[in-house]
N, C-alpha and C. Protein backbone atom coordinates (compact mmCIF):
# COMPACT_ATOMS: atom_id res chain seq x y z
N UNK A 1 0.84 -1.12 -0.04
CA UNK A 1 0.04 -0.04 -0.02
C UNK A 1 0.91 1.23 -0.03
N UNK A 2 0.78 2.07 -1.04
CA UNK A 2 1.61 3.21 -1.17
C UNK A 2 0.94 4.30 -0.49
N UNK A 3 1.70 5.15 0.29
CA UNK A 3 1.17 6.16 1.04
C UNK A 3 2.17 7.39 1.16
N UNK A 4 1.61 8.54 1.23
CA UNK A 4 2.40 9.77 1.32
C UNK A 4 2.21 10.38 2.78
N UNK A 5 1.48 9.68 3.63
CA UNK A 5 1.23 10.19 4.98
C UNK A 5 2.46 10.41 5.75
N UNK A 6 2.74 11.67 6.28
CA UNK A 6 3.87 11.94 6.98
C UNK A 6 3.95 11.21 8.42
N UNK A 7 5.12 10.95 8.87
CA UNK A 7 5.32 10.23 10.07
C UNK A 7 4.80 11.16 11.17
N UNK A 8 4.73 12.51 11.08
CA UNK A 8 4.28 13.35 12.04
C UNK A 8 2.79 13.00 12.36
N UNK A 9 2.03 12.54 11.33
CA UNK A 9 0.62 12.13 11.55
C UNK A 9 0.61 10.92 12.48
N UNK A 10 1.37 10.00 12.36
CA UNK A 10 1.43 8.83 13.28
C UNK A 10 1.88 9.33 14.69
N UNK A 11 2.76 10.20 14.80
CA UNK A 11 3.21 10.67 16.07
C UNK A 11 2.05 11.45 16.73
N UNK A 12 1.31 12.19 15.90
CA UNK A 12 0.19 12.96 16.55
C UNK A 12 -0.92 11.93 17.02
N UNK A 13 -1.12 10.91 16.35
CA UNK A 13 -2.10 9.88 16.73
C UNK A 13 -1.55 9.09 17.98
N UNK A 14 -0.34 8.69 17.91
CA UNK A 14 0.30 7.87 18.92
C UNK A 14 0.58 8.77 20.17
N UNK A 15 0.84 10.08 19.94
CA UNK A 15 1.38 10.91 21.12
C UNK A 15 2.86 10.93 20.97
N UNK A 16 3.40 12.15 21.13
CA UNK A 16 4.84 12.36 20.88
C UNK A 16 5.71 12.22 22.21
N UNK A 17 5.00 11.80 23.19
CA UNK A 17 5.88 11.63 24.45
C UNK A 17 7.00 10.68 24.21
N UNK A 18 8.28 11.08 24.66
CA UNK A 18 9.43 10.19 24.47
C UNK A 18 10.16 10.11 25.81
N UNK A 19 10.45 8.96 26.12
CA UNK A 19 11.30 8.67 27.30
C UNK A 19 12.73 8.68 26.92
N UNK A 20 13.62 9.42 27.55
CA UNK A 20 15.00 9.57 27.25
C UNK A 20 15.88 9.21 28.43
N UNK A 21 17.16 9.04 28.14
CA UNK A 21 18.12 8.78 29.20
C UNK A 21 19.42 9.58 29.04
N UNK A 22 20.02 9.95 30.01
CA UNK A 22 21.41 10.64 30.05
C UNK A 22 22.36 9.58 29.70
N UNK A 23 23.53 9.96 29.05
CA UNK A 23 24.65 9.12 28.75
C UNK A 23 25.30 8.71 30.12
N UNK A 24 25.17 9.63 31.11
CA UNK A 24 25.82 9.29 32.45
C UNK A 24 25.05 8.46 33.27
N UNK A 25 23.83 7.99 32.88
CA UNK A 25 23.02 7.01 33.69
C UNK A 25 23.61 5.64 33.53
N UNK A 26 23.26 4.84 34.44
CA UNK A 26 23.78 3.39 34.38
C UNK A 26 22.84 2.73 33.47
N UNK A 27 23.41 1.65 32.98
CA UNK A 27 22.62 0.68 32.10
C UNK A 27 21.47 0.18 32.99
N UNK A 28 21.63 -0.13 34.20
CA UNK A 28 20.56 -0.57 35.07
C UNK A 28 19.44 0.36 35.07
N UNK A 29 19.75 1.66 35.24
CA UNK A 29 18.65 2.68 35.20
C UNK A 29 17.92 2.61 33.88
N UNK A 30 18.72 2.52 32.76
CA UNK A 30 18.08 2.52 31.50
C UNK A 30 17.15 1.24 31.33
N UNK A 31 17.60 0.11 31.68
CA UNK A 31 16.69 -1.03 31.43
C UNK A 31 15.51 -1.10 32.39
N UNK A 32 15.74 -0.46 33.60
CA UNK A 32 14.64 -0.35 34.59
C UNK A 32 13.57 0.56 33.94
N UNK A 33 13.97 1.65 33.41
CA UNK A 33 12.99 2.54 32.82
C UNK A 33 12.33 1.94 31.61
N UNK A 34 13.10 1.29 30.79
CA UNK A 34 12.50 0.53 29.65
C UNK A 34 11.53 -0.51 30.07
N UNK A 35 11.73 -1.20 31.19
CA UNK A 35 10.74 -2.16 31.67
C UNK A 35 9.56 -1.61 32.23
N UNK A 36 9.72 -0.45 32.94
CA UNK A 36 8.59 0.26 33.59
C UNK A 36 7.70 0.88 32.46
N UNK A 37 8.27 1.29 31.41
CA UNK A 37 7.43 1.94 30.34
C UNK A 37 7.15 1.01 29.18
N UNK A 38 7.57 -0.23 29.30
CA UNK A 38 7.32 -1.22 28.27
C UNK A 38 7.80 -0.75 26.90
N UNK A 39 8.99 -0.34 26.85
CA UNK A 39 9.55 0.24 25.58
C UNK A 39 10.89 -0.53 25.38
N UNK A 40 11.33 -0.60 24.08
CA UNK A 40 12.47 -1.28 23.61
C UNK A 40 13.76 -0.49 23.35
N UNK A 41 13.57 0.86 23.48
CA UNK A 41 14.78 1.70 23.19
C UNK A 41 14.59 3.10 23.96
N UNK A 42 15.75 3.63 24.19
CA UNK A 42 15.71 5.01 24.82
C UNK A 42 16.65 5.82 24.00
N UNK A 43 16.20 6.97 23.57
CA UNK A 43 17.15 7.93 22.95
C UNK A 43 18.06 8.51 24.16
N UNK A 44 19.32 8.64 23.72
CA UNK A 44 20.23 9.19 24.72
C UNK A 44 20.44 10.65 24.39
N UNK A 45 20.15 11.52 25.41
CA UNK A 45 20.30 12.99 25.14
C UNK A 45 21.36 13.55 26.05
N UNK A 46 22.32 14.21 25.33
CA UNK A 46 23.40 14.93 26.06
C UNK A 46 23.36 16.38 25.61
N UNK A 47 23.29 17.27 26.64
CA UNK A 47 23.27 18.74 26.37
C UNK A 47 22.17 19.16 25.33
N UNK A 48 20.96 18.42 25.49
CA UNK A 48 19.86 18.80 24.62
C UNK A 48 19.86 18.12 23.20
N UNK A 49 20.80 17.37 22.86
CA UNK A 49 21.04 16.90 21.68
C UNK A 49 21.15 15.31 21.68
N UNK A 50 20.56 14.66 20.56
CA UNK A 50 20.45 13.24 20.54
C UNK A 50 21.98 12.69 20.32
N UNK A 51 22.41 12.02 21.32
CA UNK A 51 23.84 11.46 21.31
C UNK A 51 23.89 10.07 20.86
N UNK A 52 22.75 9.40 20.86
CA UNK A 52 22.83 7.99 20.41
C UNK A 52 21.42 7.39 20.91
N UNK A 53 21.40 6.04 20.81
CA UNK A 53 20.20 5.34 21.25
C UNK A 53 20.72 4.02 22.00
N UNK A 54 19.87 3.74 23.04
CA UNK A 54 20.19 2.51 23.78
C UNK A 54 19.07 1.52 23.65
N UNK A 55 19.28 0.38 23.22
CA UNK A 55 18.25 -0.59 22.88
C UNK A 55 18.47 -1.90 23.63
N UNK A 56 17.32 -2.71 23.57
CA UNK A 56 17.42 -4.03 24.21
C UNK A 56 18.57 -4.81 23.53
N UNK A 57 18.76 -4.64 22.32
CA UNK A 57 19.77 -5.27 21.53
C UNK A 57 21.24 -4.81 22.02
N UNK A 58 21.41 -3.60 22.36
CA UNK A 58 22.64 -3.10 23.00
C UNK A 58 22.84 -3.80 24.31
N UNK A 59 21.78 -3.99 25.03
CA UNK A 59 21.95 -4.67 26.41
C UNK A 59 22.49 -6.05 26.22
N UNK A 60 21.74 -6.86 25.39
CA UNK A 60 22.09 -8.15 25.27
C UNK A 60 23.46 -8.38 24.64
N UNK A 61 23.78 -7.64 23.71
CA UNK A 61 25.12 -7.80 22.94
C UNK A 61 26.28 -7.20 23.77
N UNK A 62 26.15 -6.07 24.33
CA UNK A 62 27.18 -5.38 24.95
C UNK A 62 27.22 -5.40 26.41
N UNK A 63 26.34 -5.91 27.11
CA UNK A 63 26.36 -6.08 28.56
C UNK A 63 26.25 -7.56 28.82
N UNK A 64 25.14 -8.19 28.58
CA UNK A 64 24.91 -9.62 29.00
C UNK A 64 26.06 -10.49 28.40
N UNK A 65 26.21 -10.40 27.11
CA UNK A 65 27.21 -11.34 26.40
C UNK A 65 28.68 -11.01 26.74
N UNK A 66 28.89 -9.76 27.15
CA UNK A 66 30.33 -9.27 27.39
C UNK A 66 30.67 -9.50 28.86
N UNK A 67 29.70 -9.89 29.65
CA UNK A 67 30.01 -10.16 31.05
C UNK A 67 30.05 -8.88 31.88
N UNK A 68 29.53 -7.83 31.38
CA UNK A 68 29.58 -6.53 32.16
C UNK A 68 28.39 -6.51 33.12
N UNK A 69 28.45 -5.57 34.05
CA UNK A 69 27.31 -5.44 34.96
C UNK A 69 26.53 -4.21 34.60
N UNK A 70 25.24 -4.27 34.55
CA UNK A 70 24.39 -3.14 34.34
C UNK A 70 24.42 -2.11 35.34
N UNK A 71 24.74 -2.37 36.62
CA UNK A 71 24.76 -1.46 37.70
C UNK A 71 26.04 -0.58 37.59
N UNK A 72 27.12 -1.07 37.04
CA UNK A 72 28.45 -0.37 36.99
C UNK A 72 28.74 0.17 35.59
N UNK A 73 28.02 -0.11 34.51
CA UNK A 73 28.24 0.33 33.19
C UNK A 73 27.48 1.48 32.94
N UNK A 74 28.08 2.53 32.32
CA UNK A 74 27.25 3.75 32.05
C UNK A 74 26.69 3.56 30.60
N UNK A 75 25.55 4.18 30.32
CA UNK A 75 24.95 4.12 29.02
C UNK A 75 25.88 4.58 27.90
N UNK A 76 26.67 5.60 28.20
CA UNK A 76 27.46 6.24 27.15
C UNK A 76 28.66 5.19 26.72
N UNK A 77 28.83 4.17 27.54
CA UNK A 77 29.88 3.16 27.15
C UNK A 77 29.21 2.07 26.14
N UNK A 78 28.00 2.03 26.03
CA UNK A 78 27.39 0.89 25.21
C UNK A 78 26.32 1.36 24.22
N UNK A 79 26.02 2.67 24.17
CA UNK A 79 24.97 3.16 23.32
C UNK A 79 25.40 3.02 21.91
N UNK A 80 24.40 3.03 21.01
CA UNK A 80 24.71 3.02 19.53
C UNK A 80 24.77 4.48 19.14
N UNK A 81 25.88 5.00 18.76
CA UNK A 81 26.07 6.45 18.45
C UNK A 81 25.53 6.79 17.03
N UNK A 82 25.65 5.97 16.10
CA UNK A 82 25.23 6.26 14.80
C UNK A 82 23.78 5.94 14.61
N UNK A 83 22.89 7.02 14.86
CA UNK A 83 21.46 6.78 14.92
C UNK A 83 20.89 7.23 13.55
N UNK A 84 20.02 6.26 13.09
CA UNK A 84 19.29 6.46 11.93
C UNK A 84 18.00 7.22 12.42
N UNK A 85 17.68 8.29 11.69
CA UNK A 85 16.59 9.10 12.10
C UNK A 85 15.70 9.50 10.94
N UNK A 86 14.55 10.07 11.29
CA UNK A 86 13.66 10.63 10.27
C UNK A 86 13.24 11.98 10.61
N UNK A 87 12.72 12.68 9.68
CA UNK A 87 12.14 14.04 9.78
C UNK A 87 10.60 13.95 9.84
N UNK A 88 10.04 14.85 10.49
CA UNK A 88 8.55 14.84 10.60
C UNK A 88 7.80 14.74 9.30
N UNK A 89 8.33 15.23 8.25
CA UNK A 89 7.71 15.16 6.93
C UNK A 89 7.93 13.89 6.13
N UNK A 90 8.89 13.06 6.63
CA UNK A 90 9.12 11.80 5.90
C UNK A 90 7.85 10.92 5.90
N UNK A 91 7.59 10.30 4.78
CA UNK A 91 6.43 9.41 4.80
C UNK A 91 6.56 8.14 5.66
N UNK A 92 5.47 7.62 5.98
CA UNK A 92 5.47 6.31 6.86
C UNK A 92 6.23 5.25 5.93
N UNK A 93 5.92 5.28 4.61
CA UNK A 93 6.57 4.22 3.83
C UNK A 93 8.06 4.44 3.79
N UNK A 94 8.48 5.68 3.73
CA UNK A 94 9.93 5.87 3.65
C UNK A 94 10.58 5.53 5.01
N UNK A 95 9.79 5.74 6.09
CA UNK A 95 10.44 5.33 7.42
C UNK A 95 10.46 3.80 7.47
N UNK A 96 9.46 3.09 6.93
CA UNK A 96 9.61 1.60 6.88
C UNK A 96 10.81 1.11 6.15
N UNK A 97 10.97 1.78 4.98
CA UNK A 97 12.07 1.39 4.14
C UNK A 97 13.43 1.68 4.88
N UNK A 98 13.61 2.81 5.44
CA UNK A 98 14.77 3.22 6.18
C UNK A 98 15.10 2.24 7.35
N UNK A 99 13.99 1.87 8.13
CA UNK A 99 14.27 0.92 9.21
C UNK A 99 14.68 -0.49 8.66
N UNK A 100 14.03 -0.85 7.62
CA UNK A 100 14.37 -2.15 6.94
C UNK A 100 15.82 -2.17 6.44
N UNK A 101 16.15 -1.11 5.67
CA UNK A 101 17.52 -1.01 5.14
C UNK A 101 18.61 -1.05 6.23
N UNK A 102 18.25 -0.37 7.29
CA UNK A 102 19.39 -0.17 8.33
C UNK A 102 19.17 -1.25 9.54
N UNK A 103 18.22 -2.06 9.29
CA UNK A 103 17.86 -3.14 10.36
C UNK A 103 17.70 -2.56 11.76
N UNK A 104 16.93 -1.55 11.89
CA UNK A 104 16.63 -0.95 13.20
C UNK A 104 15.22 -1.13 13.47
N UNK A 105 14.85 -1.26 14.74
CA UNK A 105 13.47 -1.42 15.19
C UNK A 105 12.84 -0.07 15.75
N UNK A 106 13.83 1.00 15.96
CA UNK A 106 13.29 2.16 16.67
C UNK A 106 13.86 3.32 15.76
N UNK A 107 13.01 4.30 15.45
CA UNK A 107 13.41 5.46 14.71
C UNK A 107 13.13 6.76 15.34
N UNK A 108 14.07 7.42 15.76
CA UNK A 108 13.87 8.82 16.37
C UNK A 108 13.49 9.75 15.23
N UNK A 109 12.58 10.69 15.51
CA UNK A 109 12.09 11.70 14.67
C UNK A 109 12.64 13.02 15.05
N UNK A 110 13.42 13.68 14.22
CA UNK A 110 14.16 14.93 14.52
C UNK A 110 13.62 16.02 13.68
N UNK A 111 13.41 17.18 14.32
CA UNK A 111 13.11 18.42 13.59
C UNK A 111 14.37 19.31 13.79
N UNK A 112 15.23 19.32 12.83
CA UNK A 112 16.59 19.84 13.05
C UNK A 112 17.31 19.00 14.08
N UNK A 113 17.69 19.53 15.19
CA UNK A 113 18.39 18.72 16.25
C UNK A 113 17.35 18.32 17.26
N UNK A 114 16.15 18.81 17.21
CA UNK A 114 15.22 18.57 18.31
C UNK A 114 14.51 17.21 18.14
N UNK A 115 14.54 16.45 19.20
CA UNK A 115 13.87 15.09 19.12
C UNK A 115 12.37 15.43 19.37
N UNK A 116 11.52 15.06 18.34
CA UNK A 116 10.12 15.32 18.46
C UNK A 116 9.29 14.03 18.70
N UNK A 117 9.89 12.92 18.57
CA UNK A 117 9.24 11.61 18.77
C UNK A 117 10.13 10.38 18.44
N UNK A 118 9.50 9.19 18.61
CA UNK A 118 10.21 8.06 18.20
C UNK A 118 9.19 7.03 17.81
N UNK A 119 9.39 6.25 16.76
CA UNK A 119 8.45 5.30 16.36
C UNK A 119 9.22 3.95 16.30
N UNK A 120 8.43 2.89 16.52
CA UNK A 120 8.97 1.58 16.52
C UNK A 120 8.45 0.82 15.16
N UNK A 121 8.99 -0.17 14.74
CA UNK A 121 8.54 -0.98 13.61
C UNK A 121 7.19 -1.39 13.93
N UNK A 122 6.79 -1.72 15.26
CA UNK A 122 5.49 -2.15 15.54
C UNK A 122 4.54 -1.06 15.36
N UNK A 123 4.88 0.24 15.68
CA UNK A 123 3.95 1.38 15.41
C UNK A 123 3.64 1.54 13.90
N UNK A 124 4.72 1.29 13.06
CA UNK A 124 4.46 1.48 11.66
C UNK A 124 3.57 0.25 11.05
N UNK A 125 3.81 -0.94 11.60
CA UNK A 125 3.04 -2.10 11.14
C UNK A 125 1.52 -1.85 11.59
N UNK A 126 1.30 -1.50 12.78
CA UNK A 126 -0.03 -1.24 13.25
C UNK A 126 -0.78 -0.19 12.48
N UNK A 127 0.04 0.96 12.13
CA UNK A 127 -0.60 1.94 11.38
C UNK A 127 -0.96 1.43 10.01
N UNK A 128 -0.09 0.67 9.34
CA UNK A 128 -0.34 0.06 8.12
C UNK A 128 -1.55 -0.85 7.98
N UNK A 129 -1.61 -1.65 9.05
CA UNK A 129 -2.78 -2.54 9.10
C UNK A 129 -4.02 -1.73 9.25
N UNK A 130 -4.06 -0.81 10.14
CA UNK A 130 -5.25 0.09 10.38
C UNK A 130 -5.62 0.79 9.00
N UNK A 131 -4.61 1.27 8.35
CA UNK A 131 -4.92 2.03 7.03
C UNK A 131 -5.53 1.08 5.99
N UNK A 132 -4.94 -0.24 5.97
CA UNK A 132 -5.46 -1.21 5.00
C UNK A 132 -6.91 -1.59 5.33
N UNK A 133 -7.21 -1.79 6.70
CA UNK A 133 -8.53 -2.08 7.22
C UNK A 133 -9.46 -1.00 6.69
N UNK A 134 -9.07 0.25 6.87
CA UNK A 134 -10.01 1.37 6.50
C UNK A 134 -10.22 1.38 5.00
N UNK A 135 -9.18 1.14 4.27
CA UNK A 135 -9.33 1.04 2.78
C UNK A 135 -10.29 -0.04 2.30
N UNK A 136 -10.14 -1.21 2.93
CA UNK A 136 -11.03 -2.36 2.66
C UNK A 136 -12.53 -2.04 3.05
N UNK A 137 -12.65 -1.49 4.13
CA UNK A 137 -14.07 -1.12 4.55
C UNK A 137 -14.69 -0.14 3.53
N UNK A 138 -13.85 0.83 3.11
CA UNK A 138 -14.37 1.76 2.22
C UNK A 138 -14.70 1.23 0.91
N UNK A 139 -13.90 0.24 0.43
CA UNK A 139 -14.12 -0.42 -0.88
C UNK A 139 -15.37 -1.31 -0.70
N UNK A 140 -15.54 -1.98 0.44
CA UNK A 140 -16.67 -2.88 0.59
C UNK A 140 -18.08 -1.89 0.53
N UNK A 141 -17.94 -0.74 1.25
CA UNK A 141 -19.14 0.13 1.23
C UNK A 141 -19.33 0.63 -0.23
N UNK A 142 -18.32 0.90 -1.03
CA UNK A 142 -18.52 1.42 -2.38
C UNK A 142 -19.20 0.26 -3.16
N UNK A 143 -18.67 -0.95 -3.03
CA UNK A 143 -19.20 -2.05 -3.88
C UNK A 143 -20.66 -2.26 -3.51
N UNK A 144 -20.96 -2.17 -2.20
CA UNK A 144 -22.35 -2.44 -1.77
C UNK A 144 -23.23 -1.28 -2.17
N UNK A 145 -22.66 -0.17 -2.65
CA UNK A 145 -23.47 0.96 -3.15
C UNK A 145 -23.83 1.97 -2.13
N UNK A 146 -23.24 1.88 -0.82
CA UNK A 146 -23.58 2.80 0.15
C UNK A 146 -22.72 4.11 0.20
N UNK A 147 -21.78 4.16 -0.70
CA UNK A 147 -20.87 5.32 -0.76
C UNK A 147 -21.02 5.93 -2.16
N UNK A 148 -21.13 7.30 -2.21
CA UNK A 148 -21.27 7.99 -3.55
C UNK A 148 -19.94 7.86 -4.23
N UNK A 149 -20.06 7.71 -5.58
CA UNK A 149 -18.95 7.66 -6.42
C UNK A 149 -18.18 8.80 -6.48
């Protein structure tokens, strides 16, 4: 399904609240916040700017498998610094493509350097399913003759 709907529309519907963490926080604090909020990633903000992202994948690969302790390791030691991001005007389809190409599950949305939201691959899939359901319902109504041409 081809769409030109901007990611800002999904953020508006989802809500743009974003939980973030400082690079100086411990990994324990990060995973605790992620568990409390039922989220899989935290943008890492340093001096008001996105410095990286910390994900469940970072925890498993850089803490658990490396034998480090989450209470003694700082987020800045294990975050992913090269963050793939989107702009509010980017289409949902473009964001899905970007996430697939870079094999990421979370995509921060930046307006300039300001973090305005974050979307997960699940958010995009749910939006796509909802949009397809709406299109199918509209087609069914049209075929049944209850919608004007």
